PDB file of N, CA and C in Angstrom:
ATOM      1  N   MET A   1     -49.145 -42.766  -7.289  1.00  0.00           N
ATOM      2  CA  MET A   1     -50.334 -44.073  -7.163  1.00  0.00           C
ATOM      3  C   MET A   1     -50.737 -43.553  -5.705  1.00  0.00           C
ATOM      4  N   GLY A   2     -52.270 -43.494  -5.450  1.00  0.00           N
ATOM      5  CA  GLY A   2     -52.626 -43.375  -4.288  1.00  0.00           C
ATOM      6  C   GLY A   2     -52.522 -44.876  -3.265  1.00  0.00           C
ATOM      7  N   ILE A   3     -53.164 -45.155  -2.177  1.00  0.00           N
ATOM      8  CA  ILE A   3     -53.112 -46.139  -1.687  1.00  0.00           C
ATOM      9  C   ILE A   3     -54.172 -46.986  -2.144  1.00  0.00           C
ATOM     10  N   PHE A   4     -55.511 -46.409  -2.407  1.00  0.00           N
ATOM     11  CA  PHE A   4     -56.487 -47.141  -2.935  1.00  0.00           C
ATOM     12  C   PHE A   4     -56.283 -47.702  -4.240  1.00  0.00           C
ATOM     13  N   SER A   5     -55.373 -47.010  -5.116  1.00  0.00           N
ATOM     14  CA  SER A   5     -55.175 -47.354  -6.326  1.00  0.00           C
ATOM     15  C   SER A   5     -54.506 -48.580  -6.105  1.00  0.00           C
ATOM     16  N   ARG A   6     -53.529 -48.858  -5.230  1.00  0.00           N
ATOM     17  CA  ARG A   6     -52.610 -49.755  -5.125  1.00  0.00           C
ATOM     18  C   ARG A   6     -53.556 -51.185  -4.639  1.00  0.00           C
ATOM     19  N   LEU A   7     -54.281 -50.786  -3.574  1.00  0.00           N
ATOM     20  CA  LEU A   7     -55.236 -51.847  -3.282  1.00  0.00           C
ATOM     21  C   LEU A   7     -56.062 -52.440  -4.188  1.00  0.00           C
ATOM     22  N   PHE A   8     -56.945 -51.945  -4.763  1.00  0.00           N
ATOM     23  CA  PHE A   8     -57.776 -52.179  -5.631  1.00  0.00           C
ATOM     24  C   PHE A   8     -57.491 -52.402  -7.088  1.00  0.00           C
ATOM     25  N   GLY A   9     -56.124 -52.204  -7.330  1.00  0.00           N
ATOM     26  CA  GLY A   9     -55.641 -52.566  -8.755  1.00  0.00           C
ATOM     27  C   GLY A   9     -55.754 -51.661  -9.619  1.00  0.00           C
ATOM     28  N   LYS A  10     -56.225 -50.229  -9.449  1.00  0.00           N
ATOM     29  CA  LYS A  10     -56.412 -49.655 -10.495  1.00  0.00           C
ATOM     30  C   LYS A  10     -55.317 -49.013 -11.278  1.00  0.00           C
ATOM     31  N   ARG A  11     -55.417 -48.826 -12.627  1.00  0.00           N
ATOM     32  CA  ARG A  11     -54.063 -48.761 -13.108  1.00  0.00           C
ATOM     33  C   ARG A  11     -54.095 -47.315 -13.553  1.00  0.00           C
ATOM     34  N   GLY A  12     -55.110 -46.157 -13.422  1.00  0.00           N
ATOM     35  CA  GLY A  12     -54.879 -45.181 -13.823  1.00  0.00           C
ATOM     36  C   GLY A  12     -55.430 -44.819 -15.161  1.00  0.00           C
ATOM     37  N   LYS A  13     -56.191 -45.859 -15.722  1.00  0.00           N
ATOM     38  CA  LYS A  13     -56.455 -45.783 -17.172  1.00  0.00           C
ATOM     39  C   LYS A  13     -58.026 -45.495 -17.350  1.00  0.00           C
ATOM     40  N   SER A  14     -58.206 -44.440 -16.971  1.00  0.00           N
ATOM     41  CA  SER A  14     -59.631 -43.791 -16.765  1.00  0.00           C
ATOM     42  C   SER A  14     -60.184 -43.465 -18.397  1.00  0.00           C
ATOM     43  N   THR A  15     -61.433 -43.780 -18.621  1.00  0.00           N
ATOM     44  CA  THR A  15     -61.430 -43.452 -19.792  1.00  0.00           C
ATOM     45  C   THR A  15     -62.574 -42.321 -20.054  1.00  0.00           C
ATOM     46  N   ARG A  16     -62.966 -41.884 -18.643  1.00  0.00           N
ATOM     47  CA  ARG A  16     -64.073 -40.860 -18.674  1.00  0.00           C
ATOM     48  C   ARG A  16     -63.889 -39.618 -19.339  1.00  0.00           C
ATOM     49  N   LYS A  17     -62.623 -39.045 -19.338  1.00  0.00           N
ATOM     50  CA  LYS A  17     -62.218 -37.825 -20.000  1.00  0.00           C
ATOM     51  C   LYS A  17     -62.607 -37.918 -21.712  1.00  0.00           C
ATOM     52  N   TYR A  18     -62.101 -39.084 -21.987  1.00  0.00           N
ATOM     53  CA  TYR A  18     -62.201 -39.383 -23.686  1.00  0.00           C
ATOM     54  C   TYR A  18     -63.752 -39.795 -23.976  1.00  0.00           C
ATOM     55  N   GLU A  19     -64.462 -40.455 -23.276  1.00  0.00           N
ATOM     56  CA  GLU A  19     -66.039 -40.447 -23.242  1.00  0.00           C
ATOM     57  C   GLU A  19     -66.669 -39.216 -23.267  1.00  0.00           C
ATOM     58  N   ASP A  20     -66.213 -38.471 -22.878  1.00  0.00           N
ATOM     59  CA  ASP A  20     -66.931 -36.970 -22.564  1.00  0.00           C
ATOM     60  C   ASP A  20     -66.338 -36.030 -24.195  1.00  0.00           C
ATOM     61  N   ILE A  21     -65.171 -36.330 -24.266  1.00  0.00           N
ATOM     62  CA  ILE A  21     -64.709 -36.003 -25.824  1.00  0.00           C
ATOM     63  C   ILE A  21     -65.614 -36.275 -26.795  1.00  0.00           C
ATOM     64  N   TYR A  22     -65.691 -37.663 -26.693  1.00  0.00           N
ATOM     65  CA  TYR A  22     -66.798 -38.417 -27.994  1.00  0.00           C
ATOM     66  C   TYR A  22     -68.053 -37.938 -27.881  1.00  0.00           C
ATOM     67  N   LEU A  23     -68.587 -37.999 -26.697  1.00  0.00           N
ATOM     68  CA  LEU A  23     -70.152 -37.529 -26.477  1.00  0.00           C
ATOM     69  C   LEU A  23     -70.101 -35.982 -26.985  1.00  0.00           C
ATOM     70  N   GLN A  24     -69.455 -35.030 -26.477  1.00  0.00           N
ATOM     71  CA  GLN A  24     -69.427 -33.609 -26.714  1.00  0.00           C
ATOM     72  C   GLN A  24     -69.367 -33.476 -28.328  1.00  0.00           C
ATOM     73  N   ALA A  25     -68.246 -34.254 -29.026  1.00  0.00           N
ATOM     74  CA  ALA A  25     -68.262 -33.666 -30.428  1.00  0.00           C
ATOM     75  C   ALA A  25     -69.678 -34.549 -31.165  1.00  0.00           C
ATOM     76  N   ARG A  26     -70.284 -35.550 -30.510  1.00  0.00           N
ATOM     77  CA  ARG A  26     -71.514 -36.032 -31.335  1.00  0.00           C
ATOM     78  C   ARG A  26     -72.535 -35.224 -30.950  1.00  0.00           C
ATOM     79  N   ARG A  27     -72.475 -34.271 -29.499  1.00  0.00           N
ATOM     80  CA  ARG A  27     -73.537 -33.204 -29.649  1.00  0.00           C
ATOM     81  C   ARG A  27     -73.434 -31.872 -30.637  1.00  0.00           C
ATOM     82  N   MET A  28     -72.115 -31.873 -30.802  1.00  0.00           N
ATOM     83  CA  MET A  28     -71.603 -30.803 -31.910  1.00  0.00           C
ATOM     84  C   MET A  28     -72.072 -31.153 -33.593  1.00  0.00           C
ATOM     85  N   LYS A  29     -72.586 -32.350 -33.633  1.00  0.00           N
ATOM     86  CA  LYS A  29     -72.907 -33.121 -35.018  1.00  0.00           C
ATOM     87  C   LYS A  29     -71.890 -33.496 -35.756  1.00  0.00           C
ATOM     88  N   GLN A  30     -70.850 -33.952 -34.840  1.00  0.00           N
ATOM     89  CA  GLN A  30     -69.737 -34.386 -35.851  1.00  0.00           C
ATOM     90  C   GLN A  30     -69.965 -35.945 -35.961  1.00  0.00           C
ATOM     91  N   SER A  31     -69.305 -36.718 -37.035  1.00  0.00           N
ATOM     92  CA  SER A  31     -69.673 -37.697 -37.414  1.00  0.00           C
ATOM     93  C   SER A  31     -69.239 -38.987 -36.053  1.00  0.00           C
ATOM     94  N   PRO A  32     -69.796 -40.172 -36.061  1.00  0.00           N
ATOM     95  CA  PRO A  32     -69.336 -40.893 -34.934  1.00  0.00           C
ATOM     96  C   PRO A  32     -67.664 -41.530 -34.944  1.00  0.00           C
ATOM     97  N   GLU A  33     -67.454 -41.635 -36.624  1.00  0.00           N
ATOM     98  CA  GLU A  33     -66.104 -41.858 -37.029  1.00  0.00           C
ATOM     99  C   GLU A  33     -65.302 -40.684 -36.355  1.00  0.00           C
ATOM    100  N   TYR A  34     -64.946 -39.516 -37.013  1.00  0.00           N
ATOM    101  CA  TYR A  34     -64.458 -38.425 -36.634  1.00  0.00           C
ATOM    102  C   TYR A  34     -64.690 -38.035 -34.853  1.00  0.00           C
ATOM    103  N   ALA A  35     -65.755 -38.140 -34.237  1.00  0.00           N
ATOM    104  CA  ALA A  35     -65.659 -38.168 -33.048  1.00  0.00           C
ATOM    105  C   ALA A  35     -64.856 -39.255 -32.021  1.00  0.00           C
ATOM    106  N   PHE A  36     -64.567 -40.208 -32.411  1.00  0.00           N
ATOM    107  CA  PHE A  36     -64.419 -41.527 -31.885  1.00  0.00           C
ATOM    108  C   PHE A  36     -62.786 -41.418 -32.112  1.00  0.00           C
ATOM    109  N   LYS A  37     -62.182 -41.217 -33.507  1.00  0.00           N
ATOM    110  CA  LYS A  37     -60.795 -40.971 -33.785  1.00  0.00           C
ATOM    111  C   LYS A  37     -60.359 -39.645 -32.821  1.00  0.00           C
ATOM    112  N   GLN A  38     -61.005 -38.659 -32.947  1.00  0.00           N
ATOM    113  CA  GLN A  38     -60.581 -37.500 -31.809  1.00  0.00           C
ATOM    114  C   GLN A  38     -60.290 -38.399 -30.495  1.00  0.00           C
ATOM    115  N   ALA A  39     -60.922 -38.345 -29.806  1.00  0.00           N
ATOM    116  CA  ALA A  39     -61.264 -39.152 -28.832  1.00  0.00           C
ATOM    117  C   ALA A  39     -59.936 -40.249 -28.304  1.00  0.00           C
ATOM    118  N   VAL A  40     -59.764 -41.285 -29.276  1.00  0.00           N
ATOM    119  CA  VAL A  40     -58.724 -42.034 -29.262  1.00  0.00           C
ATOM    120  C   VAL A  40     -57.484 -41.347 -29.427  1.00  0.00           C
ATOM    121  N   ASP A  41     -57.393 -40.573 -30.423  1.00  0.00           N
ATOM    122  CA  ASP A  41     -55.943 -39.768 -30.624  1.00  0.00           C
ATOM    123  C   ASP A  41     -55.296 -38.636 -29.655  1.00  0.00           C
ATOM    124  N   ARG A  42     -56.662 -38.630 -28.735  1.00  0.00           N
ATOM    125  CA  ARG A  42     -56.221 -37.545 -27.634  1.00  0.00           C
ATOM    126  C   ARG A  42     -55.750 -38.636 -26.445  1.00  0.00           C
ATOM    127  N   ALA A  43     -56.283 -39.474 -26.206  1.00  0.00           N
ATOM    128  CA  ALA A  43     -55.858 -40.517 -25.392  1.00  0.00           C
ATOM    129  C   ALA A  43     -54.404 -41.078 -25.359  1.00  0.00           C
ATOM    130  N   VAL A  44     -53.911 -41.363 -26.788  1.00  0.00           N
ATOM    131  CA  VAL A  44     -52.755 -41.978 -27.305  1.00  0.00           C
ATOM    132  C   VAL A  44     -51.785 -40.551 -26.770  1.00  0.00           C
ATOM    133  N   GLU A  45     -51.963 -39.321 -27.212  1.00  0.00           N
ATOM    134  CA  GLU A  45     -51.177 -38.230 -27.073  1.00  0.00           C
ATOM    135  C   GLU A  45     -51.030 -38.123 -25.682  1.00  0.00           C
ATOM    136  N   GLU A  46     -51.693 -38.109 -24.803  1.00  0.00           N
ATOM    137  CA  GLU A  46     -52.040 -37.996 -23.630  1.00  0.00           C
ATOM    138  C   GLU A  46     -50.994 -39.093 -22.659  1.00  0.00           C
ATOM    139  N   GLY A  47     -50.709 -40.021 -23.364  1.00  0.00           N
ATOM    140  CA  GLY A  47     -50.097 -40.907 -22.666  1.00  0.00           C
ATOM    141  C   GLY A  47     -50.842 -41.828 -21.973  1.00  0.00           C
ATOM    142  N   VAL A  48     -51.995 -41.796 -21.784  1.00  0.00           N
ATOM    143  CA  VAL A  48     -53.067 -42.749 -21.061  1.00  0.00           C
ATOM    144  C   VAL A  48     -52.920 -44.239 -21.711  1.00  0.00           C
ATOM    145  N   PHE A  49     -53.001 -44.386 -22.950  1.00  0.00           N
ATOM    146  CA  PHE A  49     -52.732 -45.472 -23.515  1.00  0.00           C
ATOM    147  C   PHE A  49     -51.656 -45.570 -24.435  1.00  0.00           C
ATOM    148  N   ALA A  50     -51.025 -46.814 -24.413  1.00  0.00           N
ATOM    149  CA  ALA A  50     -49.664 -47.126 -25.193  1.00  0.00           C
ATOM    150  C   ALA A  50     -49.587 -46.840 -26.507  1.00  0.00           C
ATOM    151  N   SER A  51     -51.105 -47.448 -27.237  1.00  0.00           N
ATOM    152  CA  SER A  51     -51.177 -47.487 -28.474  1.00  0.00           C
ATOM    153  C   SER A  51     -52.731 -46.907 -29.080  1.00  0.00           C
ATOM    154  N   SER A  52     -53.212 -46.696 -30.473  1.00  0.00           N
ATOM    155  CA  SER A  52     -54.364 -46.222 -30.509  1.00  0.00           C
ATOM    156  C   SER A  52     -55.140 -47.503 -30.521  1.00  0.00           C
ATOM    157  N   SER A  53     -54.945 -48.887 -30.661  1.00  0.00           N
ATOM    158  CA  SER A  53     -55.679 -49.882 -30.705  1.00  0.00           C
ATOM    159  C   SER A  53     -56.382 -50.285 -29.178  1.00  0.00           C
ATOM    160  N   GLU A  54     -55.175 -50.117 -28.083  1.00  0.00           N
ATOM    161  CA  GLU A  54     -55.806 -50.380 -26.675  1.00  0.00           C
ATOM    162  C   GLU A  54     -56.489 -49.236 -26.608  1.00  0.00           C
ATOM    163  N   ALA A  55     -56.186 -48.000 -26.850  1.00  0.00           N
ATOM    164  CA  ALA A  55     -57.154 -46.852 -26.428  1.00  0.00           C
ATOM    165  C   ALA A  55     -58.792 -46.814 -27.147  1.00  0.00           C
ATOM    166  N   ALA A  56     -58.863 -47.444 -28.321  1.00  0.00           N
ATOM    167  CA  ALA A  56     -60.017 -48.088 -29.277  1.00  0.00           C
ATOM    168  C   ALA A  56     -60.727 -49.114 -28.479  1.00  0.00           C
ATOM    169  N   GLN A  57     -59.954 -49.914 -27.678  1.00  0.00           N
ATOM    170  CA  GLN A  57     -60.708 -51.321 -27.649  1.00  0.00           C
ATOM    171  C   GLN A  57     -61.284 -50.636 -26.310  1.00  0.00           C
ATOM    172  N   GLU A  58     -60.854 -49.882 -24.945  1.00  0.00           N
ATOM    173  CA  GLU A  58     -61.105 -49.480 -23.742  1.00  0.00           C
ATOM    174  C   GLU A  58     -62.075 -48.435 -24.039  1.00  0.00           C
ATOM    175  N   LEU A  59     -62.215 -47.269 -25.014  1.00  0.00           N
ATOM    176  CA  LEU A  59     -63.305 -46.399 -25.042  1.00  0.00           C
ATOM    177  C   LEU A  59     -64.353 -46.981 -25.722  1.00  0.00           C
ATOM    178  N   TYR A  60     -64.031 -47.878 -26.734  1.00  0.00           N
ATOM    179  CA  TYR A  60     -65.326 -48.809 -27.321  1.00  0.00           C
ATOM    180  C   TYR A  60     -66.183 -49.319 -26.167  1.00  0.00           C
ATOM    181  N   GLU A  61     -65.839 -50.079 -25.381  1.00  0.00           N
ATOM    182  CA  GLU A  61     -66.122 -50.913 -24.233  1.00  0.00           C
ATOM    183  C   GLU A  61     -67.000 -50.011 -23.607  1.00  0.00           C
ATOM    184  N   ALA A  62     -66.320 -48.774 -23.007  1.00  0.00           N
ATOM    185  CA  ALA A  62     -66.978 -47.743 -22.096  1.00  0.00           C
ATOM    186  C   ALA A  62     -68.206 -47.139 -22.902  1.00  0.00           C
ATOM    187  N   LEU A  63     -68.143 -46.822 -24.258  1.00  0.00           N
ATOM    188  CA  LEU A  63     -68.983 -46.011 -24.633  1.00  0.00           C
ATOM    189  C   LEU A  63     -70.276 -46.983 -25.614  1.00  0.00           C
ATOM    190  N   LYS A  64     -69.994 -48.210 -25.434  1.00  0.00           N
ATOM    191  CA  LYS A  64     -71.253 -49.173 -25.862  1.00  0.00           C
ATOM    192  C   LYS A  64     -72.423 -48.932 -25.182  1.00  0.00           C
ATOM    193  N   ALA A  65     -72.353 -49.014 -23.723  1.00  0.00           N
ATOM    194  CA  ALA A  65     -73.685 -48.795 -23.044  1.00  0.00           C
ATOM    195  C   ALA A  65     -74.024 -46.900 -22.857  1.00  0.00           C
ATOM    196  N   GLN A  66     -73.517 -46.474 -23.540  1.00  0.00           N
ATOM    197  CA  GLN A  66     -73.712 -44.879 -23.544  1.00  0.00           C
ATOM    198  C   GLN A  66     -74.572 -44.365 -24.630  1.00  0.00           C
ATOM    199  N   VAL A  67     -74.007 -45.000 -25.704  1.00  0.00           N
ATOM    200  CA  VAL A  67     -74.628 -44.527 -27.102  1.00  0.00           C
ATOM    201  C   VAL A  67     -76.043 -45.198 -27.400  1.00  0.00           C
ATOM    202  N   ASP A  68     -77.128 -44.313 -28.085  1.00  0.00           N
ATOM    203  CA  ASP A  68     -78.402 -44.960 -28.577  1.00  0.00           C
ATOM    204  C   ASP A  68     -77.750 -46.240 -29.559  1.00  0.00           C
ATOM    205  N   GLN A  69     -78.966 -47.136 -29.538  1.00  0.00           N
ATOM    206  CA  GLN A  69     -78.988 -48.339 -30.209  1.00  0.00           C
ATOM    207  C   GLN A  69     -78.630 -47.869 -32.030  1.00  0.00           C
ATOM    208  N   GLU A  70     -79.360 -46.550 -32.076  1.00  0.00           N
ATOM    209  CA  GLU A  70     -79.127 -46.177 -33.657  1.00  0.00           C
ATOM    210  C   GLU A  70     -77.605 -45.727 -33.899  1.00  0.00           C
ATOM    211  N   GLU A  71     -77.167 -45.404 -33.014  1.00  0.00           N
ATOM    212  CA  GLU A  71     -75.539 -45.241 -32.945  1.00  0.00           C
ATOM    213  C   GLU A  71     -74.620 -46.198 -33.150  1.00  0.00           C
ATOM    214  N   LEU A  72     -74.936 -47.292 -32.559  1.00  0.00           N
ATOM    215  CA  LEU A  72     -74.272 -48.402 -31.971  1.00  0.00           C
ATOM    216  C   LEU A  72     -73.294 -48.793 -33.241  1.00  0.00           C
ATOM    217  N   PRO A  73     -74.349 -48.986 -34.685  1.00  0.00           N
ATOM    218  CA  PRO A  73     -73.511 -49.448 -35.823  1.00  0.00           C
ATOM    219  C   PRO A  73     -72.101 -48.264 -36.281  1.00  0.00           C
ATOM    220  N   ALA A  74     -72.723 -47.258 -35.976  1.00  0.00           N
ATOM    221  CA  ALA A  74     -71.583 -46.304 -36.561  1.00  0.00           C
ATOM    222  C   ALA A  74     -70.175 -46.307 -35.559  1.00  0.00           C
ATOM    223  N   LEU A  75     -70.663 -46.488 -34.215  1.00  0.00           N
ATOM    224  CA  LEU A  75     -69.512 -46.641 -33.596  1.00  0.00           C
ATOM    225  C   LEU A  75     -68.714 -47.637 -33.597  1.00  0.00           C
ATOM    226  N   GLU A  76     -69.234 -49.047 -33.683  1.00  0.00           N
ATOM    227  CA  GLU A  76     -68.783 -50.012 -34.342  1.00  0.00           C
ATOM    228  C   GLU A  76     -67.772 -49.914 -35.670  1.00  0.00           C
ATOM    229  N   LYS A  77     -68.381 -49.093 -36.222  1.00  0.00           N
ATOM    230  CA  LYS A  77     -67.669 -49.242 -37.664  1.00  0.00           C
ATOM    231  C   LYS A  77     -66.421 -47.862 -37.355  1.00  0.00           C
ATOM    232  N   ALA A  78     -66.570 -47.277 -36.607  1.00  0.00           N
ATOM    233  CA  ALA A  78     -65.353 -46.338 -36.263  1.00  0.00           C
ATOM    234  C   ALA A  78     -64.288 -46.869 -35.208  1.00  0.00           C
ATOM    235  N   TYR A  79     -64.847 -47.776 -34.451  1.00  0.00           N
ATOM    236  CA  TYR A  79     -63.674 -49.003 -33.895  1.00  0.00           C
ATOM    237  C   TYR A  79     -63.041 -49.879 -34.781  1.00  0.00           C
ATOM    238  N   ASN A  80     -63.566 -50.192 -35.915  1.00  0.00           N
ATOM    239  CA  ASN A  80     -62.995 -51.131 -36.500  1.00  0.00           C
ATOM    240  C   ASN A  80     -61.839 -50.114 -37.644  1.00  0.00           C
ATOM    241  N   LYS A  81     -62.528 -49.072 -37.641  1.00  0.00           N
ATOM    242  CA  LYS A  81     -61.366 -48.151 -38.479  1.00  0.00           C
ATOM    243  C   LYS A  81     -60.050 -47.752 -37.942  1.00  0.00           C
ATOM    244  N   VAL A  82     -60.500 -47.757 -36.634  1.00  0.00           N
ATOM    245  CA  VAL A  82     -59.333 -47.243 -35.794  1.00  0.00           C
ATOM    246  C   VAL A  82     -58.138 -48.362 -35.318  1.00  0.00           C
ATOM    247  N   LYS A  83     -59.049 -49.324 -34.727  1.00  0.00           N
ATOM    248  CA  LYS A  83     -58.015 -50.595 -34.533  1.00  0.00           C
ATOM    249  C   LYS A  83     -57.369 -51.158 -35.327  1.00  0.00           C
TER     250      LYS A  83
END
């Protein structure tokens, strides 16, 4: 852990990689549910988050601002299925 991470309290749980997984899957015309589950599963598999519910919460919060308003209900549905 670097000095700046210690100073500013960052825990190393960046969701950027998993946001990209979700967005890339959506660009490839995968359903929001499948894309979200894929990103959450990868985050847990790589040990960034301890549980899928924790990963789903963090990823959902990060993606809320990035998705279109039309896609938001589908993202919420995917989040509720995973958590």
